[in-house]
Amino acid sequence: MSNRAKWIFIAPLAIAGLVLFAFLGGGLVMLLWNWLLPPLFGGPVVTFWQALGLLALSRILFGGFGRHGGGYRSHRTPEERERMRQRLRARFGFGGPADEGRQPVAGERP
């Protein structure tokens, strides 16, 4: 079977799989949202299209864009993660007495 014949067979299956995933995922998000949020927190009831938008938004915010592994943390060493924590603490004013005697991180404002 040639490459072209494979693509002619695989492409429609891939499109059908994406459509099926979207409808099942959107329906599941809608059912779960409408079952949990309005009774628990008084949230709004969502439609299928709103649920599909929530699913897409959560993928963008929490799923990344096709990176493999555990997201941004898996690509950093423990030292890089600690430097990032220190920069965030310094920038947003977190920390307390334990941070008083620490050395500033490179590039950090005093």
PDB file of N, CA and C in Angstrom:
ATOM      1  N   MET A   1       0.854  -1.178   0.000  1.00  0.00           N
ATOM      2  CA  MET A   1       0.000   0.000   0.000  1.00  0.00           C
ATOM      3  C   MET A   1       0.900   1.241   0.000  1.00  0.00           C
ATOM      4  N   SER A   2       0.633   2.163  -0.888  1.00  0.00           N
ATOM      5  CA  SER A   2       1.468   3.363  -1.010  1.00  0.00           C
ATOM      6  C   SER A   2       1.126   4.364   0.100  1.00  0.00           C
ATOM      7  N   ASN A   3       2.007   5.344   0.264  1.00  0.00           N
ATOM      8  CA  ASN A   3       1.779   6.390   1.262  1.00  0.00           C
ATOM      9  C   ASN A   3       0.497   7.154   0.989  1.00  0.00           C
ATOM     10  N   ARG A   4       0.237   7.438  -0.261  1.00  0.00           N
ATOM     11  CA  ARG A   4      -0.970   8.192  -0.619  1.00  0.00           C
ATOM     12  C   ARG A   4      -2.228   7.402  -0.235  1.00  0.00           C
ATOM     13  N   ALA A   5      -2.226   6.118  -0.488  1.00  0.00           N
ATOM     14  CA  ALA A   5      -3.379   5.282  -0.147  1.00  0.00           C
ATOM     15  C   ALA A   5      -3.573   5.214   1.366  1.00  0.00           C
ATOM     16  N   LYS A   6      -2.452   5.182   2.102  1.00  0.00           N
ATOM     17  CA  LYS A   6      -2.556   5.190   3.564  1.00  0.00           C
ATOM     18  C   LYS A   6      -3.217   6.472   4.052  1.00  0.00           C
ATOM     19  N   TRP A   7      -2.773   7.611   3.500  1.00  0.00           N
ATOM     20  CA  TRP A   7      -3.343   8.897   3.923  1.00  0.00           C
ATOM     21  C   TRP A   7      -4.811   9.021   3.544  1.00  0.00           C
ATOM     22  N   ILE A   8      -5.177   8.493   2.410  1.00  0.00           N
ATOM     23  CA  ILE A   8      -6.582   8.535   1.996  1.00  0.00           C
ATOM     24  C   ILE A   8      -7.438   7.736   2.975  1.00  0.00           C
ATOM     25  N   PHE A   9      -6.887   6.687   3.531  1.00  0.00           N
ATOM     26  CA  PHE A   9      -7.610   5.869   4.503  1.00  0.00           C
ATOM     27  C   PHE A   9      -7.566   6.475   5.907  1.00  0.00           C
ATOM     28  N   ILE A  10      -6.399   7.001   6.304  1.00  0.00           N
ATOM     29  CA  ILE A  10      -6.200   7.483   7.676  1.00  0.00           C
ATOM     30  C   ILE A  10      -6.830   8.853   7.919  1.00  0.00           C
ATOM     31  N   ALA A  11      -6.767   9.754   6.959  1.00  0.00           N
ATOM     32  CA  ALA A  11      -7.257  11.127   7.156  1.00  0.00           C
ATOM     33  C   ALA A  11      -8.732  11.181   7.574  1.00  0.00           C
ATOM     34  N   PRO A  12      -9.638  10.485   6.865  1.00  0.00           N
ATOM     35  CA  PRO A  12     -11.034  10.530   7.314  1.00  0.00           C
ATOM     36  C   PRO A  12     -11.237   9.928   8.706  1.00  0.00           C
ATOM     37  N   LEU A  13     -10.473   8.886   9.022  1.00  0.00           N
ATOM     38  CA  LEU A  13     -10.579   8.292  10.357  1.00  0.00           C
ATOM     39  C   LEU A  13     -10.102   9.276  11.432  1.00  0.00           C
ATOM     40  N   ALA A  14      -9.033   9.997  11.157  1.00  0.00           N
ATOM     41  CA  ALA A  14      -8.527  10.984  12.112  1.00  0.00           C
ATOM     42  C   ALA A  14      -9.533  12.109  12.320  1.00  0.00           C
ATOM     43  N   ILE A  15     -10.116  12.587  11.244  1.00  0.00           N
ATOM     44  CA  ILE A  15     -11.123  13.663  11.356  1.00  0.00           C
ATOM     45  C   ILE A  15     -12.333  13.155  12.130  1.00  0.00           C
ATOM     46  N   ALA A  16     -12.788  11.943  11.823  1.00  0.00           N
ATOM     47  CA  ALA A  16     -13.937  11.378  12.548  1.00  0.00           C
ATOM     48  C   ALA A  16     -13.603  11.199  14.025  1.00  0.00           C
ATOM     49  N   GLY A  17     -12.365  10.781  14.331  1.00  0.00           N
ATOM     50  CA  GLY A  17     -11.949  10.644  15.730  1.00  0.00           C
ATOM     51  C   GLY A  17     -11.948  11.963  16.465  1.00  0.00           C
ATOM     52  N   LEU A  18     -11.464  13.029  15.813  1.00  0.00           N
ATOM     53  CA  LEU A  18     -11.471  14.356  16.440  1.00  0.00           C
ATOM     54  C   LEU A  18     -12.892  14.852  16.703  1.00  0.00           C
ATOM     55  N   VAL A  19     -13.772  14.647  15.737  1.00  0.00           N
ATOM     56  CA  VAL A  19     -15.164  15.070  15.906  1.00  0.00           C
ATOM     57  C   VAL A  19     -15.819  14.277  17.035  1.00  0.00           C
ATOM     58  N   LEU A  20     -15.580  12.976  17.073  1.00  0.00           N
ATOM     59  CA  LEU A  20     -16.134  12.136  18.135  1.00  0.00           C
ATOM     60  C   LEU A  20     -15.607  12.568  19.500  1.00  0.00           C
ATOM     61  N   PHE A  21     -14.299  12.828  19.584  1.00  0.00           N
ATOM     62  CA  PHE A  21     -13.710  13.302  20.842  1.00  0.00           C
ATOM     63  C   PHE A  21     -14.327  14.623  21.279  1.00  0.00           C
ATOM     64  N   ALA A  22     -14.522  15.540  20.338  1.00  0.00           N
ATOM     65  CA  ALA A  22     -15.089  16.845  20.672  1.00  0.00           C
ATOM     66  C   ALA A  22     -16.516  16.689  21.214  1.00  0.00           C
ATOM     67  N   PHE A  23     -17.321  15.866  20.552  1.00  0.00           N
ATOM     68  CA  PHE A  23     -18.698  15.716  21.006  1.00  0.00           C
ATOM     69  C   PHE A  23     -18.784  14.954  22.329  1.00  0.00           C
ATOM     70  N   LEU A  24     -17.991  13.913  22.482  1.00  0.00           N
ATOM     71  CA  LEU A  24     -18.011  13.196  23.758  1.00  0.00           C
ATOM     72  C   LEU A  24     -17.432  14.054  24.884  1.00  0.00           C
ATOM     73  N   GLY A  25     -16.310  14.713  24.603  1.00  0.00           N
ATOM     74  CA  GLY A  25     -15.683  15.567  25.616  1.00  0.00           C
ATOM     75  C   GLY A  25     -16.570  16.737  26.006  1.00  0.00           C
ATOM     76  N   GLY A  26     -17.133  17.411  25.013  1.00  0.00           N
ATOM     77  CA  GLY A  26     -18.032  18.540  25.296  1.00  0.00           C
ATOM     78  C   GLY A  26     -19.272  18.100  26.063  1.00  0.00           C
ATOM     79  N   GLY A  27     -19.829  16.965  25.669  1.00  0.00           N
ATOM     80  CA  GLY A  27     -21.007  16.451  26.376  1.00  0.00           C
ATOM     81  C   GLY A  27     -20.683  16.063  27.807  1.00  0.00           C
ATOM     82  N   LEU A  28     -19.533  15.440  28.001  1.00  0.00           N
ATOM     83  CA  LEU A  28     -19.136  15.039  29.355  1.00  0.00           C
ATOM     84  C   LEU A  28     -18.886  16.258  30.240  1.00  0.00           C
ATOM     85  N   VAL A  29     -18.181  17.252  29.710  1.00  0.00           N
ATOM     86  CA  VAL A  29     -17.937  18.479  30.481  1.00  0.00           C
ATOM     87  C   VAL A  29     -19.263  19.163  30.822  1.00  0.00           C
ATOM     88  N   MET A  30     -20.169  19.229  29.856  1.00  0.00           N
ATOM     89  CA  MET A  30     -21.467  19.861  30.098  1.00  0.00           C
ATOM     90  C   MET A  30     -22.236  19.122  31.198  1.00  0.00           C
ATOM     91  N   LEU A  31     -22.301  17.792  31.112  1.00  0.00           N
ATOM     92  CA  LEU A  31     -23.031  17.025  32.120  1.00  0.00           C
ATOM     93  C   LEU A  31     -22.415  17.182  33.513  1.00  0.00           C
ATOM     94  N   LEU A  32     -21.099  17.077  33.595  1.00  0.00           N
ATOM     95  CA  LEU A  32     -20.436  17.211  34.899  1.00  0.00           C
ATOM     96  C   LEU A  32     -20.600  18.616  35.472  1.00  0.00           C
ATOM     97  N   TRP A  33     -20.414  19.622  34.641  1.00  0.00           N
ATOM     98  CA  TRP A  33     -20.556  21.018  35.099  1.00  0.00           C
ATOM     99  C   TRP A  33     -21.977  21.244  35.621  1.00  0.00           C
ATOM    100  N   ASN A  34     -22.965  20.876  34.808  1.00  0.00           N
ATOM    101  CA  ASN A  34     -24.358  21.139  35.187  1.00  0.00           C
ATOM    102  C   ASN A  34     -24.803  20.283  36.369  1.00  0.00           C
ATOM    103  N   TRP A  35     -24.148  19.168  36.600  1.00  0.00           N
ATOM    104  CA  TRP A  35     -24.481  18.319  37.739  1.00  0.00           C
ATOM    105  C   TRP A  35     -23.862  18.860  39.019  1.00  0.00           C
ATOM    106  N   LEU A  36     -22.630  19.413  38.919  1.00  0.00           N
ATOM    107  CA  LEU A  36     -21.912  19.823  40.125  1.00  0.00           C
ATOM    108  C   LEU A  36     -22.011  21.308  40.466  1.00  0.00           C
ATOM    109  N   LEU A  37     -21.727  22.175  39.513  1.00  0.00           N
ATOM    110  CA  LEU A  37     -21.574  23.590  39.832  1.00  0.00           C
ATOM    111  C   LEU A  37     -22.848  24.300  40.263  1.00  0.00           C
ATOM    112  N   PRO A  38     -23.958  24.194  39.547  1.00  0.00           N
ATOM    113  CA  PRO A  38     -25.143  24.925  39.998  1.00  0.00           C
ATOM    114  C   PRO A  38     -25.626  24.526  41.401  1.00  0.00           C
ATOM    115  N   PRO A  39     -25.716  23.226  41.725  1.00  0.00           N
ATOM    116  CA  PRO A  39     -26.181  22.893  43.074  1.00  0.00           C
ATOM    117  C   PRO A  39     -25.175  23.248  44.171  1.00  0.00           C
ATOM    118  N   LEU A  40     -23.874  23.082  43.901  1.00  0.00           N
ATOM    119  CA  LEU A  40     -22.878  23.315  44.941  1.00  0.00           C
ATOM    120  C   LEU A  40     -22.575  24.791  45.161  1.00  0.00           C
ATOM    121  N   PHE A  41     -22.387  25.530  44.071  1.00  0.00           N
ATOM    122  CA  PHE A  41     -21.909  26.905  44.196  1.00  0.00           C
ATOM    123  C   PHE A  41     -22.846  27.934  43.575  1.00  0.00           C
ATOM    124  N   GLY A  42     -23.956  27.509  43.051  1.00  0.00           N
ATOM    125  CA  GLY A  42     -24.879  28.451  42.425  1.00  0.00           C
ATOM    126  C   GLY A  42     -24.371  28.964  41.089  1.00  0.00           C
ATOM    127  N   GLY A  43     -23.494  28.201  40.451  1.00  0.00           N
ATOM    128  CA  GLY A  43     -22.940  28.614  39.162  1.00  0.00           C
ATOM    129  C   GLY A  43     -23.972  28.480  38.058  1.00  0.00           C
ATOM    130  N   PRO A  44     -23.651  29.032  36.893  1.00  0.00           N
ATOM    131  CA  PRO A  44     -24.602  28.977  35.783  1.00  0.00           C
ATOM    132  C   PRO A  44     -24.636  27.597  35.134  1.00  0.00           C
ATOM    133  N   VAL A  45     -25.724  27.303  34.468  1.00  0.00           N
ATOM    134  CA  VAL A  45     -25.844  26.098  33.660  1.00  0.00           C
ATOM    135  C   VAL A  45     -25.216  26.418  32.308  1.00  0.00           C
ATOM    136  N   VAL A  46     -24.407  25.505  31.765  1.00  0.00           N
ATOM    137  CA  VAL A  46     -23.749  25.761  30.490  1.00  0.00           C
ATOM    138  C   VAL A  46     -24.366  24.922  29.383  1.00  0.00           C
ATOM    139  N   THR A  47     -24.272  25.452  28.160  1.00  0.00           N
ATOM    140  CA  THR A  47     -24.733  24.716  26.986  1.00  0.00           C
ATOM    141  C   THR A  47     -23.597  23.837  26.477  1.00  0.00           C
ATOM    142  N   PHE A  48     -23.916  23.017  25.485  1.00  0.00           N
ATOM    143  CA  PHE A  48     -22.892  22.147  24.901  1.00  0.00           C
ATOM    144  C   PHE A  48     -21.738  22.960  24.333  1.00  0.00           C
ATOM    145  N   TRP A  49     -22.041  24.031  23.614  1.00  0.00           N
ATOM    146  CA  TRP A  49     -20.996  24.830  22.976  1.00  0.00           C
ATOM    147  C   TRP A  49     -20.134  25.555  24.007  1.00  0.00           C
ATOM    148  N   GLN A  50     -20.743  25.998  25.101  1.00  0.00           N
ATOM    149  CA  GLN A  50     -19.962  26.604  26.178  1.00  0.00           C
ATOM    150  C   GLN A  50     -19.045  25.558  26.830  1.00  0.00           C
ATOM    151  N   ALA A  51     -19.564  24.351  27.000  1.00  0.00           N
ATOM    152  CA  ALA A  51     -18.751  23.274  27.574  1.00  0.00           C
ATOM    153  C   ALA A  51     -17.595  22.925  26.652  1.00  0.00           C
ATOM    154  N   LEU A  52     -17.831  22.922  25.354  1.00  0.00           N
ATOM    155  CA  LEU A  52     -16.763  22.660  24.393  1.00  0.00           C
ATOM    156  C   LEU A  52     -15.712  23.770  24.473  1.00  0.00           C
ATOM    157  N   GLY A  53     -16.149  25.011  24.659  1.00  0.00           N
ATOM    158  CA  GLY A  53     -15.215  26.118  24.840  1.00  0.00           C
ATOM    159  C   GLY A  53     -14.410  25.968  26.120  1.00  0.00           C
ATOM    160  N   LEU A  54     -15.054  25.523  27.194  1.00  0.00           N
ATOM    161  CA  LEU A  54     -14.334  25.278  28.449  1.00  0.00           C
ATOM    162  C   LEU A  54     -13.293  24.176  28.281  1.00  0.00           C
ATOM    163  N   LEU A  55     -13.650  23.148  27.551  1.00  0.00           N
ATOM    164  CA  LEU A  55     -12.715  22.054  27.295  1.00  0.00           C
ATOM    165  C   LEU A  55     -11.498  22.555  26.518  1.00  0.00           C
ATOM    166  N   ALA A  56     -11.734  23.373  25.503  1.00  0.00           N
ATOM    167  CA  ALA A  56     -10.630  23.936  24.720  1.00  0.00           C
ATOM    168  C   ALA A  56      -9.787  24.879  25.573  1.00  0.00           C
ATOM    169  N   LEU A  57     -10.441  25.709  26.384  1.00  0.00           N
ATOM    170  CA  LEU A  57      -9.714  26.640  27.245  1.00  0.00           C
ATOM    171  C   LEU A  57      -8.854  25.900  28.264  1.00  0.00           C
ATOM    172  N   SER A  58      -9.397  24.848  28.855  1.00  0.00           N
ATOM    173  CA  SER A  58      -8.613  24.092  29.831  1.00  0.00           C
ATOM    174  C   SER A  58      -7.428  23.400  29.163  1.00  0.00           C
ATOM    175  N   ARG A  59      -7.594  22.975  27.928  1.00  0.00           N
ATOM    176  CA  ARG A  59      -6.479  22.374  27.191  1.00  0.00           C
ATOM    177  C   ARG A  59      -5.385  23.410  26.952  1.00  0.00           C
ATOM    178  N   ILE A  60      -5.788  24.619  26.592  1.00  0.00           N
ATOM    179  CA  ILE A  60      -4.812  25.677  26.354  1.00  0.00           C
ATOM    180  C   ILE A  60      -4.099  26.043  27.649  1.00  0.00           C
ATOM    181  N   LEU A  61      -4.852  26.222  28.727  1.00  0.00           N
ATOM    182  CA  LEU A  61      -4.264  26.680  29.981  1.00  0.00           C
ATOM    183  C   LEU A  61      -3.465  25.607  30.702  1.00  0.00           C
ATOM    184  N   PHE A  62      -3.945  24.385  30.705  1.00  0.00           N
ATOM    185  CA  PHE A  62      -3.344  23.349  31.526  1.00  0.00           C
ATOM    186  C   PHE A  62      -2.687  22.225  30.741  1.00  0.00           C
ATOM    187  N   GLY A  63      -3.009  22.077  29.480  1.00  0.00           N
ATOM    188  CA  GLY A  63      -2.503  20.948  28.724  1.00  0.00           C
ATOM    189  C   GLY A  63      -1.288  21.243  27.888  1.00  0.00           C
ATOM    190  N   GLY A  64      -0.988  22.485  27.669  1.00  0.00           N
ATOM    191  CA  GLY A  64       0.140  22.822  26.820  1.00  0.00           C
ATOM    192  C   GLY A  64      -0.227  22.695  25.363  1.00  0.00           C
ATOM    193  N   PHE A  65       0.777  22.763  24.516  1.00  0.00           N
ATOM    194  CA  PHE A  65       0.558  22.699  23.082  1.00  0.00           C
ATOM    195  C   PHE A  65       1.316  21.537  22.477  1.00  0.00           C
ATOM    196  N   GLY A  66       1.047  20.341  22.950  1.00  0.00           N
ATOM    197  CA  GLY A  66       1.646  19.156  22.368  1.00  0.00           C
ATOM    198  C   GLY A  66       3.002  18.781  22.938  1.00  0.00           C
ATOM    199  N   ARG A  67       3.427  19.436  23.993  1.00  0.00           N
ATOM    200  CA  ARG A  67       4.694  19.047  24.602  1.00  0.00           C
ATOM    201  C   ARG A  67       4.498  17.725  25.328  1.00  0.00           C
ATOM    202  N   HIS A  68       5.492  16.898  25.275  1.00  0.00           N
ATOM    203  CA  HIS A  68       5.414  15.625  25.971  1.00  0.00           C
ATOM    204  C   HIS A  68       6.117  15.743  27.310  1.00  0.00           C
ATOM    205  N   GLY A  69       5.758  14.903  28.225  1.00  0.00           N
ATOM    206  CA  GLY A  69       6.355  14.964  29.550  1.00  0.00           C
ATOM    207  C   GLY A  69       5.331  15.507  30.522  1.00  0.00           C
ATOM    208  N   GLY A  70       5.810  16.128  31.581  1.00  0.00           N
ATOM    209  CA  GLY A  70       4.926  16.605  32.619  1.00  0.00           C
ATOM    210  C   GLY A  70       4.694  18.093  32.587  1.00  0.00           C
ATOM    211  N   GLY A  71       4.770  18.724  31.427  1.00  0.00           N
ATOM    212  CA  GLY A  71       4.566  20.154  31.358  1.00  0.00           C
ATOM    213  C   GLY A  71       5.870  20.892  31.566  1.00  0.00           C
ATOM    214  N   TYR A  72       5.768  22.154  31.954  1.00  0.00           N
ATOM    215  CA  TYR A  72       6.973  22.971  32.032  1.00  0.00           C
ATOM    216  C   TYR A  72       7.904  22.547  33.155  1.00  0.00           C
ATOM    217  N   ARG A  73       7.407  21.935  34.214  1.00  0.00           N
ATOM    218  CA  ARG A  73       8.267  21.564  35.333  1.00  0.00           C
ATOM    219  C   ARG A  73       9.236  20.440  34.979  1.00  0.00           C
ATOM    220  N   SER A  74       8.847  19.552  34.107  1.00  0.00           N
ATOM    221  CA  SER A  74       9.711  18.416  33.799  1.00  0.00           C
ATOM    222  C   SER A  74      10.957  18.830  33.014  1.00  0.00           C
ATOM    223  N   HIS A  75      10.934  20.020  32.412  1.00  0.00           N
ATOM    224  CA  HIS A  75      12.061  20.463  31.606  1.00  0.00           C
ATOM    225  C   HIS A  75      13.059  21.288  32.415  1.00  0.00           C
ATOM    226  N   ARG A  76      12.818  21.456  33.694  1.00  0.00           N
ATOM    227  CA  ARG A  76      13.696  22.267  34.522  1.00  0.00           C
ATOM    228  C   ARG A  76      14.369  21.405  35.573  1.00  0.00           C
ATOM    229  N   THR A  77      15.590  21.779  35.879  1.00  0.00           N
ATOM    230  CA  THR A  77      16.308  21.091  36.943  1.00  0.00           C
ATOM    231  C   THR A  77      15.802  21.610  38.285  1.00  0.00           C
ATOM    232  N   PRO A  78      16.071  20.902  39.371  1.00  0.00           N
ATOM    233  CA  PRO A  78      15.647  21.400  40.685  1.00  0.00           C
ATOM    234  C   PRO A  78      16.222  22.788  40.996  1.00  0.00           C
ATOM    235  N   GLU A  79      17.454  23.061  40.535  1.00  0.00           N
ATOM    236  CA  GLU A  79      18.051  24.375  40.773  1.00  0.00           C
ATOM    237  C   GLU A  79      17.298  25.459  40.014  1.00  0.00           C
ATOM    238  N   GLU A  80      16.894  25.160  38.767  1.00  0.00           N
ATOM    239  CA  GLU A  80      16.130  26.133  37.978  1.00  0.00           C
ATOM    240  C   GLU A  80      14.767  26.395  38.608  1.00  0.00           C
ATOM    241  N   ARG A  81      14.126  25.346  39.124  1.00  0.00           N
ATOM    242  CA  ARG A  81      12.830  25.536  39.781  1.00  0.00           C
ATOM    243  C   ARG A  81      12.974  26.390  41.033  1.00  0.00           C
ATOM    244  N   GLU A  82      14.040  26.180  41.796  1.00  0.00           N
ATOM    245  CA  GLU A  82      14.250  26.972  43.009  1.00  0.00           C
ATOM    246  C   GLU A  82      14.522  28.436  42.665  1.00  0.00           C
ATOM    247  N   ARG A  83      15.311  28.678  41.615  1.00  0.00           N
ATOM    248  CA  ARG A  83      15.554  30.066  41.187  1.00  0.00           C
ATOM    249  C   ARG A  83      14.266  30.734  40.758  1.00  0.00           C
ATOM    250  N   MET A  84      13.390  29.990  40.050  1.00  0.00           N
ATOM    251  CA  MET A  84      12.109  30.540  39.627  1.00  0.00           C
ATOM    252  C   MET A  84      11.242  30.870  40.836  1.00  0.00           C
ATOM    253  N   ARG A  85      11.206  29.987  41.826  1.00  0.00           N
ATOM    254  CA  ARG A  85      10.445  30.253  43.050  1.00  0.00           C
ATOM    255  C   ARG A  85      10.950  31.517  43.738  1.00  0.00           C
ATOM    256  N   GLN A  86      12.260  31.672  43.824  1.00  0.00           N
ATOM    257  CA  GLN A  86      12.841  32.841  44.488  1.00  0.00           C
ATOM    258  C   GLN A  86      12.494  34.121  43.726  1.00  0.00           C
ATOM    259  N   ARG A  87      12.556  34.074  42.398  1.00  0.00           N
ATOM    260  CA  ARG A  87      12.202  35.258  41.614  1.00  0.00           C
ATOM    261  C   ARG A  87      10.737  35.628  41.800  1.00  0.00           C
ATOM    262  N   LEU A  88       9.856  34.622  41.826  1.00  0.00           N
ATOM    263  CA  LEU A  88       8.432  34.900  42.022  1.00  0.00           C
ATOM    264  C   LEU A  88       8.169  35.465  43.412  1.00  0.00           C
ATOM    265  N   ARG A  89       8.834  34.905  44.417  1.00  0.00           N
ATOM    266  CA  ARG A  89       8.670  35.417  45.779  1.00  0.00           C
ATOM    267  C   ARG A  89       9.135  36.861  45.881  1.00  0.00           C
ATOM    268  N   ALA A  90      10.270  37.160  45.264  1.00  0.00           N
ATOM    269  CA  ALA A  90      10.800  38.522  45.321  1.00  0.00           C
ATOM    270  C   ALA A  90       9.903  39.496  44.561  1.00  0.00           C
ATOM    271  N   ARG A  91       9.426  39.088  43.403  1.00  0.00           N
ATOM    272  CA  ARG A  91       8.621  39.980  42.584  1.00  0.00           C
ATOM    273  C   ARG A  91       7.265  40.278  43.220  1.00  0.00           C
ATOM    274  N   PHE A  92       6.630  39.255  43.800  1.00  0.00           N
ATOM    275  CA  PHE A  92       5.280  39.426  44.311  1.00  0.00           C
ATOM    276  C   PHE A  92       5.230  39.585  45.829  1.00  0.00           C
ATOM    277  N   GLY A  93       6.379  39.713  46.461  1.00  0.00           N
ATOM    278  CA  GLY A  93       6.413  40.013  47.886  1.00  0.00           C
ATOM    279  C   GLY A  93       6.103  38.847  48.796  1.00  0.00           C
ATOM    280  N   PHE A  94       6.302  37.631  48.334  1.00  0.00           N
ATOM    281  CA  PHE A  94       6.089  36.480  49.199  1.00  0.00           C
ATOM    282  C   PHE A  94       7.305  36.281  50.079  1.00  0.00           C
ATOM    283  N   GLY A  95       7.163  35.462  51.049  1.00  0.00           N
ATOM    284  CA  GLY A  95       8.296  35.136  51.913  1.00  0.00           C
ATOM    285  C   GLY A  95       8.171  35.862  53.227  1.00  0.00           C
ATOM    286  N   GLY A  96       9.010  35.516  54.122  1.00  0.00           N
ATOM    287  CA  GLY A  96       8.953  36.126  55.446  1.00  0.00           C
ATOM    288  C   GLY A  96      10.331  36.180  56.044  1.00  0.00           C
ATOM    289  N   PRO A  97      10.438  35.938  57.337  1.00  0.00           N
ATOM    290  CA  PRO A  97      11.733  36.015  58.000  1.00  0.00           C
ATOM    291  C   PRO A  97      12.776  35.068  57.410  1.00  0.00           C
ATOM    292  N   ALA A  98      12.372  33.945  56.871  1.00  0.00           N
ATOM    293  CA  ALA A  98      13.328  32.995  56.305  1.00  0.00           C
ATOM    294  C   ALA A  98      14.026  33.576  55.082  1.00  0.00           C
ATOM    295  N   ASP A  99      13.397  34.535  54.414  1.00  0.00           N
ATOM    296  CA  ASP A  99      13.984  35.128  53.222  1.00  0.00           C
ATOM    297  C   ASP A  99      14.896  36.309  53.529  1.00  0.00           C
ATOM    298  N   GLU A 100      14.966  36.736  54.786  1.00  0.00           N
ATOM    299  CA  GLU A 100      15.727  37.929  55.136  1.00  0.00           C
ATOM    300  C   GLU A 100      17.199  37.817  54.786  1.00  0.00           C
ATOM    301  N   GLY A 101      17.846  36.680  55.074  1.00  0.00           N
ATOM    302  CA  GLY A 101      19.279  36.576  54.897  1.00  0.00           C
ATOM    303  C   GLY A 101      19.705  35.932  53.592  1.00  0.00           C
ATOM    304  N   ARG A 102      18.794  35.695  52.688  1.00  0.00           N
ATOM    305  CA  ARG A 102      19.163  34.979  51.476  1.00  0.00           C
ATOM    306  C   ARG A 102      19.869  35.906  50.490  1.00  0.00           C
ATOM    307  N   GLN A 103      20.659  35.292  49.630  1.00  0.00           N
ATOM    308  CA  GLN A 103      21.369  36.038  48.596  1.00  0.00           C
ATOM    309  C   GLN A 103      20.432  36.281  47.420  1.00  0.00           C
ATOM    310  N   PRO A 104      20.506  37.454  46.787  1.00  0.00           N
ATOM    311  CA  PRO A 104      19.644  37.694  45.620  1.00  0.00           C
ATOM    312  C   PRO A 104      20.037  36.786  44.461  1.00  0.00           C
ATOM    313  N   VAL A 105      19.047  36.427  43.683  1.00  0.00           N
ATOM    314  CA  VAL A 105      19.259  35.597  42.495  1.00  0.00           C
ATOM    315  C   VAL A 105      19.723  36.496  41.365  1.00  0.00           C
ATOM    316  N   ALA A 106      20.546  35.958  40.465  1.00  0.00           N
ATOM    317  CA  ALA A 106      21.039  36.740  39.337  1.00  0.00           C
ATOM    318  C   ALA A 106      19.892  37.354  38.556  1.00  0.00           C
ATOM    319  N   GLY A 107      19.963  38.634  38.284  1.00  0.00           N
ATOM    320  CA  GLY A 107      18.900  39.321  37.543  1.00  0.00           C
ATOM    321  C   GLY A 107      17.777  39.817  38.418  1.00  0.00           C
ATOM    322  N   GLU A 108      17.824  39.564  39.716  1.00  0.00           N
ATOM    323  CA  GLU A 108      16.758  39.949  40.631  1.00  0.00           C
ATOM    324  C   GLU A 108      17.019  41.362  41.154  1.00  0.00           C
ATOM    325  N   ARG A 109      15.950  42.128  41.247  1.00  0.00           N
ATOM    326  CA  ARG A 109      16.075  43.477  41.824  1.00  0.00           C
ATOM    327  C   ARG A 109      16.136  43.371  43.331  1.00  0.00           C
ATOM    328  N   PRO A 110      16.968  44.204  43.966  1.00  0.00           N
ATOM    329  CA  PRO A 110      17.062  44.154  45.440  1.00  0.00           C
ATOM    330  C   PRO A 110      15.833  44.677  46.124  1.00  0.00           C
TER     331      PRO A 110
END
